[in-house]
């Protein structure tokens, strides 16, 4: 019934990182792709998050960059400065 897990705001990386790590590891045991949406740049994402998550959407929402044609991995992103990184392909 569930084909993916999406973790979105409040900003996931502003939470307790130890607890985030426990939650991500728990979710990984279900062997379902994990998507994490963050406003941070990819370089700022902790390594343990990169190792567990299958997709990481990076980039803050910037109204001045609003667009309709930024579709990546089947997801429409709101602004042109946002990017989705896929484990095994982009990192």
PDB file of N, CA and C in Angstrom:
ATOM      1  N   UNK A   1       0.797  -1.191   0.000  1.00  0.00           N
ATOM      2  CA  UNK A   1       0.000   0.000   0.000  1.00  0.00           C
ATOM      3  C   UNK A   1       0.848   1.267   0.000  1.00  0.00           C
ATOM      4  N   UNK A   2       2.018   1.202   0.588  1.00  0.00           N
ATOM      5  CA  UNK A   2       2.886   2.377   0.677  1.00  0.00           C
ATOM      6  C   UNK A   2       4.071   2.152  -0.242  1.00  0.00           C
ATOM      7  N   UNK A   3       4.300   3.105  -1.167  1.00  0.00           N
ATOM      8  CA  UNK A   3       5.411   2.927  -2.099  1.00  0.00           C
ATOM      9  C   UNK A   3       6.585   3.871  -1.859  1.00  0.00           C
ATOM     10  N   UNK A   4       6.424   4.835  -0.919  1.00  0.00           N
ATOM     11  CA  UNK A   4       7.530   5.712  -0.555  1.00  0.00           C
ATOM     12  C   UNK A   4       7.208   6.420   0.753  1.00  0.00           C
ATOM     13  N   UNK A   5       8.260   6.868   1.409  1.00  0.00           N
ATOM     14  CA  UNK A   5       8.131   7.652   2.635  1.00  0.00           C
ATOM     15  C   UNK A   5       8.723   9.021   2.340  1.00  0.00           C
ATOM     16  N   UNK A   6       7.969  10.082   2.633  1.00  0.00           N
ATOM     17  CA  UNK A   6       8.425  11.447   2.378  1.00  0.00           C
ATOM     18  C   UNK A   6       8.495  12.189   3.710  1.00  0.00           C
ATOM     19  N   UNK A   7       9.663  12.737   4.002  1.00  0.00           N
ATOM     20  CA  UNK A   7       9.861  13.491   5.240  1.00  0.00           C
ATOM     21  C   UNK A   7      10.017  14.954   4.862  1.00  0.00           C
ATOM     22  N   UNK A   8       9.071  15.776   5.354  1.00  0.00           N
ATOM     23  CA  UNK A   8       9.043  17.207   5.034  1.00  0.00           C
ATOM     24  C   UNK A   8       8.911  18.009   6.323  1.00  0.00           C
ATOM     25  N   UNK A   9       8.784  19.341   6.216  1.00  0.00           N
ATOM     26  CA  UNK A   9       8.794  20.288   7.329  1.00  0.00           C
ATOM     27  C   UNK A   9       7.808  20.014   8.441  1.00  0.00           C
ATOM     28  N   UNK A  10       8.084  20.692   9.539  1.00  0.00           N
ATOM     29  CA  UNK A  10       9.171  21.598   9.870  1.00  0.00           C
ATOM     30  C   UNK A  10      10.470  21.020   9.378  1.00  0.00           C
ATOM     31  N   UNK A  11      11.397  21.875   9.180  1.00  0.00           N
ATOM     32  CA  UNK A  11      12.685  21.479   8.597  1.00  0.00           C
ATOM     33  C   UNK A  11      13.272  20.253   9.309  1.00  0.00           C
ATOM     34  N   UNK A  12      13.402  19.123   8.603  1.00  0.00           N
ATOM     35  CA  UNK A  12      13.911  17.899   9.233  1.00  0.00           C
ATOM     36  C   UNK A  12      15.315  18.060   9.823  1.00  0.00           C
ATOM     37  N   UNK A  13      16.164  18.837   9.167  1.00  0.00           N
ATOM     38  CA  UNK A  13      17.543  18.948   9.642  1.00  0.00           C
ATOM     39  C   UNK A  13      17.699  19.948  10.784  1.00  0.00           C
ATOM     40  N   UNK A  14      16.630  20.631  11.161  1.00  0.00           N
ATOM     41  CA  UNK A  14      16.650  21.503  12.339  1.00  0.00           C
ATOM     42  C   UNK A  14      16.204  20.751  13.589  1.00  0.00           C
ATOM     43  N   UNK A  15      15.853  19.483  13.436  1.00  0.00           N
ATOM     44  CA  UNK A  15      15.417  18.669  14.566  1.00  0.00           C
ATOM     45  C   UNK A  15      16.643  18.053  15.239  1.00  0.00           C
ATOM     46  N   UNK A  16      16.438  17.357  16.323  1.00  0.00           N
ATOM     47  CA  UNK A  16      17.509  16.636  17.003  1.00  0.00           C
ATOM     48  C   UNK A  16      18.057  15.583  16.028  1.00  0.00           C
ATOM     49  N   UNK A  17      19.322  15.723  15.638  1.00  0.00           N
ATOM     50  CA  UNK A  17      19.882  14.853  14.597  1.00  0.00           C
ATOM     51  C   UNK A  17      20.019  13.408  15.059  1.00  0.00           C
ATOM     52  N   UNK A  18      20.244  13.184  16.337  1.00  0.00           N
ATOM     53  CA  UNK A  18      20.316  11.820  16.848  1.00  0.00           C
ATOM     54  C   UNK A  18      18.963  11.134  16.696  1.00  0.00           C
ATOM     55  N   UNK A  19      17.904  11.834  17.067  1.00  0.00           N
ATOM     56  CA  UNK A  19      16.558  11.275  16.924  1.00  0.00           C
ATOM     57  C   UNK A  19      16.190  11.095  15.457  1.00  0.00           C
ATOM     58  N   UNK A  20      16.596  12.043  14.609  1.00  0.00           N
ATOM     59  CA  UNK A  20      16.352  11.907  13.167  1.00  0.00           C
ATOM     60  C   UNK A  20      17.034  10.648  12.643  1.00  0.00           C
ATOM     61  N   UNK A  21      18.254  10.424  13.064  1.00  0.00           N
ATOM     62  CA  UNK A  21      18.991   9.232  12.634  1.00  0.00           C
ATOM     63  C   UNK A  21      18.294   7.945  13.047  1.00  0.00           C
ATOM     64  N   UNK A  22      17.798   7.898  14.295  1.00  0.00           N
ATOM     65  CA  UNK A  22      17.063   6.716  14.756  1.00  0.00           C
ATOM     66  C   UNK A  22      15.804   6.498  13.915  1.00  0.00           C
ATOM     67  N   UNK A  23      15.082   7.581  13.647  1.00  0.00           N
ATOM     68  CA  UNK A  23      13.855   7.456  12.865  1.00  0.00           C
ATOM     69  C   UNK A  23      14.160   6.987  11.443  1.00  0.00           C
ATOM     70  N   UNK A  24      15.171   7.581  10.817  1.00  0.00           N
ATOM     71  CA  UNK A  24      15.514   7.181   9.449  1.00  0.00           C
ATOM     72  C   UNK A  24      15.931   5.722   9.389  1.00  0.00           C
ATOM     73  N   UNK A  25      16.724   5.281  10.352  1.00  0.00           N
ATOM     74  CA  UNK A  25      17.156   3.881  10.364  1.00  0.00           C
ATOM     75  C   UNK A  25      15.967   2.950  10.560  1.00  0.00           C
ATOM     76  N   UNK A  26      15.031   3.324  11.418  1.00  0.00           N
ATOM     77  CA  UNK A  26      13.814   2.543  11.616  1.00  0.00           C
ATOM     78  C   UNK A  26      13.032   2.439  10.305  1.00  0.00           C
ATOM     79  N   UNK A  27      12.865   3.571   9.609  1.00  0.00           N
ATOM     80  CA  UNK A  27      12.118   3.578   8.354  1.00  0.00           C
ATOM     81  C   UNK A  27      12.828   2.783   7.266  1.00  0.00           C
ATOM     82  N   UNK A  28      14.154   2.808   7.259  1.00  0.00           N
ATOM     83  CA  UNK A  28      14.929   2.095   6.238  1.00  0.00           C
ATOM     84  C   UNK A  28      14.676   0.596   6.312  1.00  0.00           C
ATOM     85  N   UNK A  29      14.394   0.102   7.512  1.00  0.00           N
ATOM     86  CA  UNK A  29      14.140  -1.328   7.681  1.00  0.00           C
ATOM     87  C   UNK A  29      12.915  -1.804   6.904  1.00  0.00           C
ATOM     88  N   UNK A  30      12.027  -0.904   6.519  1.00  0.00           N
ATOM     89  CA  UNK A  30      10.847  -1.260   5.737  1.00  0.00           C
ATOM     90  C   UNK A  30      11.161  -1.449   4.254  1.00  0.00           C
ATOM     91  N   UNK A  31      12.380  -1.095   3.845  1.00  0.00           N
ATOM     92  CA  UNK A  31      12.838  -1.259   2.458  1.00  0.00           C
ATOM     93  C   UNK A  31      11.919  -0.560   1.461  1.00  0.00           C
ATOM     94  N   UNK A  32      11.527   0.656   1.812  1.00  0.00           N
ATOM     95  CA  UNK A  32      10.723   1.525   0.957  1.00  0.00           C
ATOM     96  C   UNK A  32      11.562   2.778   0.705  1.00  0.00           C
ATOM     97  N   UNK A  33      11.572   3.321  -0.513  1.00  0.00           N
ATOM     98  CA  UNK A  33      12.367   4.533  -0.764  1.00  0.00           C
ATOM     99  C   UNK A  33      12.006   5.669   0.192  1.00  0.00           C
ATOM    100  N   UNK A  34      13.032   6.330   0.705  1.00  0.00           N
ATOM    101  CA  UNK A  34      12.854   7.453   1.624  1.00  0.00           C
ATOM    102  C   UNK A  34      13.263   8.736   0.925  1.00  0.00           C
ATOM    103  N   UNK A  35      12.346   9.705   0.920  1.00  0.00           N
ATOM    104  CA  UNK A  35      12.582  11.040   0.370  1.00  0.00           C
ATOM    105  C   UNK A  35      12.670  12.010   1.546  1.00  0.00           C
ATOM    106  N   UNK A  36      13.675  12.856   1.564  1.00  0.00           N
ATOM    107  CA  UNK A  36      13.788  13.886   2.586  1.00  0.00           C
ATOM    108  C   UNK A  36      13.857  15.240   1.892  1.00  0.00           C
ATOM    109  N   UNK A  37      12.979  16.149   2.283  1.00  0.00           N
ATOM    110  CA  UNK A  37      12.937  17.496   1.708  1.00  0.00           C
ATOM    111  C   UNK A  37      13.545  18.474   2.698  1.00  0.00           C
ATOM    112  N   UNK A  38      14.564  19.212   2.268  1.00  0.00           N
ATOM    113  CA  UNK A  38      15.226  20.171   3.133  1.00  0.00           C
ATOM    114  C   UNK A  38      15.492  21.468   2.377  1.00  0.00           C
ATOM    115  N   UNK A  39      15.593  22.544   3.127  1.00  0.00           N
ATOM    116  CA  UNK A  39      15.944  23.833   2.525  1.00  0.00           C
ATOM    117  C   UNK A  39      17.455  23.992   2.412  1.00  0.00           C
ATOM    118  N   UNK A  40      18.212  23.111   3.055  1.00  0.00           N
ATOM    119  CA  UNK A  40      19.663  23.205   3.059  1.00  0.00           C
ATOM    120  C   UNK A  40      20.262  22.798   1.714  1.00  0.00           C
ATOM    121  N   UNK A  41      21.480  23.261   1.456  1.00  0.00           N
ATOM    122  CA  UNK A  41      22.237  22.815   0.289  1.00  0.00           C
ATOM    123  C   UNK A  41      22.727  21.393   0.539  1.00  0.00           C
ATOM    124  N   UNK A  42      22.961  20.649  -0.524  1.00  0.00           N
ATOM    125  CA  UNK A  42      23.362  19.247  -0.410  1.00  0.00           C
ATOM    126  C   UNK A  42      24.628  19.086   0.435  1.00  0.00           C
ATOM    127  N   UNK A  43      25.556  20.000   0.288  1.00  0.00           N
ATOM    128  CA  UNK A  43      26.821  19.923   1.030  1.00  0.00           C
ATOM    129  C   UNK A  43      26.607  20.040   2.535  1.00  0.00           C
ATOM    130  N   UNK A  44      25.489  20.636   2.958  1.00  0.00           N
ATOM    131  CA  UNK A  44      25.188  20.815   4.379  1.00  0.00           C
ATOM    132  C   UNK A  44      24.428  19.638   4.993  1.00  0.00           C
ATOM    133  N   UNK A  45      23.996  18.706   4.166  1.00  0.00           N
ATOM    134  CA  UNK A  45      23.240  17.545   4.656  1.00  0.00           C
ATOM    135  C   UNK A  45      24.217  16.578   5.330  1.00  0.00           C
ATOM    136  N   UNK A  46      23.934  16.162   6.563  1.00  0.00           N
ATOM    137  CA  UNK A  46      24.836  15.235   7.258  1.00  0.00           C
ATOM    138  C   UNK A  46      25.028  13.931   6.481  1.00  0.00           C
ATOM    139  N   UNK A  47      26.207  13.372   6.583  1.00  0.00           N
ATOM    140  CA  UNK A  47      26.547  12.158   5.837  1.00  0.00           C
ATOM    141  C   UNK A  47      25.603  11.006   6.156  1.00  0.00           C
ATOM    142  N   UNK A  48      25.199  10.844   7.423  1.00  0.00           N
ATOM    143  CA  UNK A  48      24.320   9.718   7.759  1.00  0.00           C
ATOM    144  C   UNK A  48      22.977   9.830   7.041  1.00  0.00           C
ATOM    145  N   UNK A  49      22.508  11.055   6.796  1.00  0.00           N
ATOM    146  CA  UNK A  49      21.254  11.253   6.058  1.00  0.00           C
ATOM    147  C   UNK A  49      21.451  10.827   4.604  1.00  0.00           C
ATOM    148  N   UNK A  50      22.581  11.183   4.026  1.00  0.00           N
ATOM    149  CA  UNK A  50      22.886  10.793   2.639  1.00  0.00           C
ATOM    150  C   UNK A  50      22.984   9.277   2.495  1.00  0.00           C
ATOM    151  N   UNK A  51      23.481   8.622   3.518  1.00  0.00           N
ATOM    152  CA  UNK A  51      23.633   7.168   3.454  1.00  0.00           C
ATOM    153  C   UNK A  51      22.307   6.437   3.567  1.00  0.00           C
ATOM    154  N   UNK A  52      21.347   7.017   4.273  1.00  0.00           N
ATOM    155  CA  UNK A  52      20.068   6.333   4.507  1.00  0.00           C
ATOM    156  C   UNK A  52      19.014   6.709   3.466  1.00  0.00           C
ATOM    157  N   UNK A  53      18.904   7.991   3.139  1.00  0.00           N
ATOM    158  CA  UNK A  53      17.828   8.463   2.250  1.00  0.00           C
ATOM    159  C   UNK A  53      18.133   8.128   0.788  1.00  0.00           C
ATOM    160  N   UNK A  54      17.090   7.759   0.080  1.00  0.00           N
ATOM    161  CA  UNK A  54      17.231   7.430  -1.341  1.00  0.00           C
ATOM    162  C   UNK A  54      17.158   8.671  -2.217  1.00  0.00           C
ATOM    163  N   UNK A  55      16.395   9.669  -1.782  1.00  0.00           N
ATOM    164  CA  UNK A  55      16.246  10.935  -2.508  1.00  0.00           C
ATOM    165  C   UNK A  55      16.310  12.074  -1.499  1.00  0.00           C
ATOM    166  N   UNK A  56      17.030  13.126  -1.845  1.00  0.00           N
ATOM    167  CA  UNK A  56      17.095  14.302  -0.981  1.00  0.00           C
ATOM    168  C   UNK A  56      16.821  15.531  -1.833  1.00  0.00           C
ATOM    169  N   UNK A  57      15.732  16.241  -1.495  1.00  0.00           N
ATOM    170  CA  UNK A  57      15.401  17.498  -2.178  1.00  0.00           C
ATOM    171  C   UNK A  57      16.064  18.621  -1.406  1.00  0.00           C
ATOM    172  N   UNK A  58      16.907  19.386  -2.089  1.00  0.00           N
ATOM    173  CA  UNK A  58      17.634  20.488  -1.451  1.00  0.00           C
ATOM    174  C   UNK A  58      17.246  21.810  -2.085  1.00  0.00           C
ATOM    175  N   UNK A  59      17.348  22.854  -1.283  1.00  0.00           N
ATOM    176  CA  UNK A  59      17.090  24.204  -1.781  1.00  0.00           C
ATOM    177  C   UNK A  59      15.868  24.819  -1.126  1.00  0.00           C
ATOM    178  N   UNK A  60      16.066  26.027  -0.646  1.00  0.00           N
ATOM    179  CA  UNK A  60      14.976  26.766  -0.013  1.00  0.00           C
ATOM    180  C   UNK A  60      13.974  27.238  -1.058  1.00  0.00           C
ATOM    181  N   UNK A  61      12.751  27.409  -0.633  1.00  0.00           N
ATOM    182  CA  UNK A  61      11.741  28.003  -1.507  1.00  0.00           C
ATOM    183  C   UNK A  61      12.069  29.486  -1.656  1.00  0.00           C
ATOM    184  N   UNK A  62      12.269  29.923  -2.890  1.00  0.00           N
ATOM    185  CA  UNK A  62      12.556  31.331  -3.185  1.00  0.00           C
ATOM    186  C   UNK A  62      11.493  31.823  -4.165  1.00  0.00           C
ATOM    187  N   UNK A  63      10.585  32.687  -3.704  1.00  0.00           N
ATOM    188  CA  UNK A  63       9.494  33.142  -4.565  1.00  0.00           C
ATOM    189  C   UNK A  63       9.976  33.734  -5.883  1.00  0.00           C
ATOM    190  N   UNK A  64      11.129  34.379  -5.872  1.00  0.00           N
ATOM    191  CA  UNK A  64      11.640  34.981  -7.103  1.00  0.00           C
ATOM    192  C   UNK A  64      12.112  33.938  -8.118  1.00  0.00           C
ATOM    193  N   UNK A  65      12.222  32.679  -7.693  1.00  0.00           N
ATOM    194  CA  UNK A  65      12.652  31.597  -8.590  1.00  0.00           C
ATOM    195  C   UNK A  65      11.496  30.663  -8.957  1.00  0.00           C
ATOM    196  N   UNK A  66      10.257  31.089  -8.697  1.00  0.00           N
ATOM    197  CA  UNK A  66       9.091  30.256  -8.978  1.00  0.00           C
ATOM    198  C   UNK A  66       9.072  29.852 -10.447  1.00  0.00           C
ATOM    199  N   UNK A  67       8.776  28.579 -10.683  1.00  0.00           N
ATOM    200  CA  UNK A  67       8.703  28.069 -12.056  1.00  0.00           C
ATOM    201  C   UNK A  67       7.729  26.897 -12.094  1.00  0.00           C
ATOM    202  N   UNK A  68       7.399  26.491 -13.291  1.00  0.00           N
ATOM    203  CA  UNK A  68       6.484  25.354 -13.461  1.00  0.00           C
ATOM    204  C   UNK A  68       7.160  24.170 -14.126  1.00  0.00           C
ATOM    205  N   UNK A  69       8.395  24.345 -14.552  1.00  0.00           N
ATOM    206  CA  UNK A  69       9.047  23.289 -15.319  1.00  0.00           C
ATOM    207  C   UNK A  69      10.243  22.669 -14.621  1.00  0.00           C
ATOM    208  N   UNK A  70      10.205  22.547 -13.330  1.00  0.00           N
ATOM    209  CA  UNK A  70      11.301  21.907 -12.607  1.00  0.00           C
ATOM    210  C   UNK A  70      10.790  20.586 -12.037  1.00  0.00           C
ATOM    211  N   UNK A  71      10.673  19.594 -12.908  1.00  0.00           N
ATOM    212  CA  UNK A  71      10.208  18.275 -12.497  1.00  0.00           C
ATOM    213  C   UNK A  71      11.409  17.332 -12.481  1.00  0.00           C
ATOM    214  N   UNK A  72      11.629  16.712 -11.325  1.00  0.00           N
ATOM    215  CA  UNK A  72      12.749  15.798 -11.172  1.00  0.00           C
ATOM    216  C   UNK A  72      12.270  14.539 -10.462  1.00  0.00           C
ATOM    217  N   UNK A  73      12.618  13.388 -11.023  1.00  0.00           N
ATOM    218  CA  UNK A  73      12.238  12.104 -10.439  1.00  0.00           C
ATOM    219  C   UNK A  73      10.741  12.040 -10.135  1.00  0.00           C
ATOM    220  N   UNK A  74       9.931  12.603 -11.022  1.00  0.00           N
ATOM    221  CA  UNK A  74       8.486  12.553 -10.900  1.00  0.00           C
ATOM    222  C   UNK A  74       7.881  13.549  -9.927  1.00  0.00           C
ATOM    223  N   UNK A  75       8.681  14.466  -9.400  1.00  0.00           N
ATOM    224  CA  UNK A  75       8.189  15.448  -8.438  1.00  0.00           C
ATOM    225  C   UNK A  75       8.338  16.843  -9.022  1.00  0.00           C
ATOM    226  N   UNK A  76       7.244  17.615  -8.991  1.00  0.00           N
ATOM    227  CA  UNK A  76       7.288  19.006  -9.434  1.00  0.00           C
ATOM    228  C   UNK A  76       7.816  19.872  -8.299  1.00  0.00           C
ATOM    229  N   UNK A  77       8.940  20.529  -8.539  1.00  0.00           N
ATOM    230  CA  UNK A  77       9.531  21.414  -7.540  1.00  0.00           C
ATOM    231  C   UNK A  77       9.066  22.835  -7.800  1.00  0.00           C
ATOM    232  N   UNK A  78       8.882  23.589  -6.727  1.00  0.00           N
ATOM    233  CA  UNK A  78       8.264  24.909  -6.821  1.00  0.00           C
ATOM    234  C   UNK A  78       9.171  25.979  -7.402  1.00  0.00           C
ATOM    235  N   UNK A  79      10.481  25.841  -7.199  1.00  0.00           N
ATOM    236  CA  UNK A  79      11.394  26.888  -7.665  1.00  0.00           C
ATOM    237  C   UNK A  79      12.578  26.283  -8.414  1.00  0.00           C
ATOM    238  N   UNK A  80      13.173  27.091  -9.272  1.00  0.00           N
ATOM    239  CA  UNK A  80      14.256  26.613 -10.124  1.00  0.00           C
ATOM    240  C   UNK A  80      15.553  26.352  -9.367  1.00  0.00           C
ATOM    241  N   UNK A  81      15.706  26.858  -8.153  1.00  0.00           N
ATOM    242  CA  UNK A  81      16.934  26.640  -7.390  1.00  0.00           C
ATOM    243  C   UNK A  81      16.913  25.312  -6.624  1.00  0.00           C
ATOM    244  N   UNK A  82      15.790  24.596  -6.654  1.00  0.00           N
ATOM    245  CA  UNK A  82      15.688  23.340  -5.929  1.00  0.00           C
ATOM    246  C   UNK A  82      16.134  22.175  -6.803  1.00  0.00           C
ATOM    247  N   UNK A  83      16.731  21.161  -6.172  1.00  0.00           N
ATOM    248  CA  UNK A  83      17.217  19.995  -6.900  1.00  0.00           C
ATOM    249  C   UNK A  83      17.000  18.757  -6.048  1.00  0.00           C
ATOM    250  N   UNK A  84      16.700  17.648  -6.725  1.00  0.00           N
ATOM    251  CA  UNK A  84      16.589  16.364  -6.040  1.00  0.00           C
ATOM    252  C   UNK A  84      17.829  15.546  -6.374  1.00  0.00           C
ATOM    253  N   UNK A  85      18.457  15.024  -5.333  1.00  0.00           N
ATOM    254  CA  UNK A  85      19.628  14.167  -5.474  1.00  0.00           C
ATOM    255  C   UNK A  85      19.198  12.727  -5.212  1.00  0.00           C
ATOM    256  N   UNK A  86      19.635  11.825  -6.085  1.00  0.00           N
ATOM    257  CA  UNK A  86      19.274  10.415  -5.949  1.00  0.00           C
ATOM    258  C   UNK A  86      20.509   9.603  -5.607  1.00  0.00           C
ATOM    259  N   UNK A  87      20.397   8.819  -4.522  1.00  0.00           N
ATOM    260  CA  UNK A  87      21.520   7.996  -4.086  1.00  0.00           C
ATOM    261  C   UNK A  87      21.872   6.997  -5.184  1.00  0.00           C
ATOM    262  N   UNK A  88      23.147   6.850  -5.438  1.00  0.00           N
ATOM    263  CA  UNK A  88      23.606   5.932  -6.463  1.00  0.00           C
ATOM    264  C   UNK A  88      23.710   6.567  -7.836  1.00  0.00           C
ATOM    265  N   UNK A  89      23.131   7.747  -8.002  1.00  0.00           N
ATOM    266  CA  UNK A  89      23.185   8.467  -9.272  1.00  0.00           C
ATOM    267  C   UNK A  89      23.832   9.830  -9.105  1.00  0.00           C
ATOM    268  N   UNK A  90      23.339  10.614  -8.146  1.00  0.00           N
ATOM    269  CA  UNK A  90      23.840  11.973  -7.930  1.00  0.00           C
ATOM    270  C   UNK A  90      24.801  12.057  -6.758  1.00  0.00           C
ATOM    271  N   UNK A  91      24.835  11.030  -5.935  1.00  0.00           N
ATOM    272  CA  UNK A  91      25.773  10.998  -4.798  1.00  0.00           C
ATOM    273  C   UNK A  91      26.054   9.576  -4.388  1.00  0.00           C
TER     274      UNK A  91
END
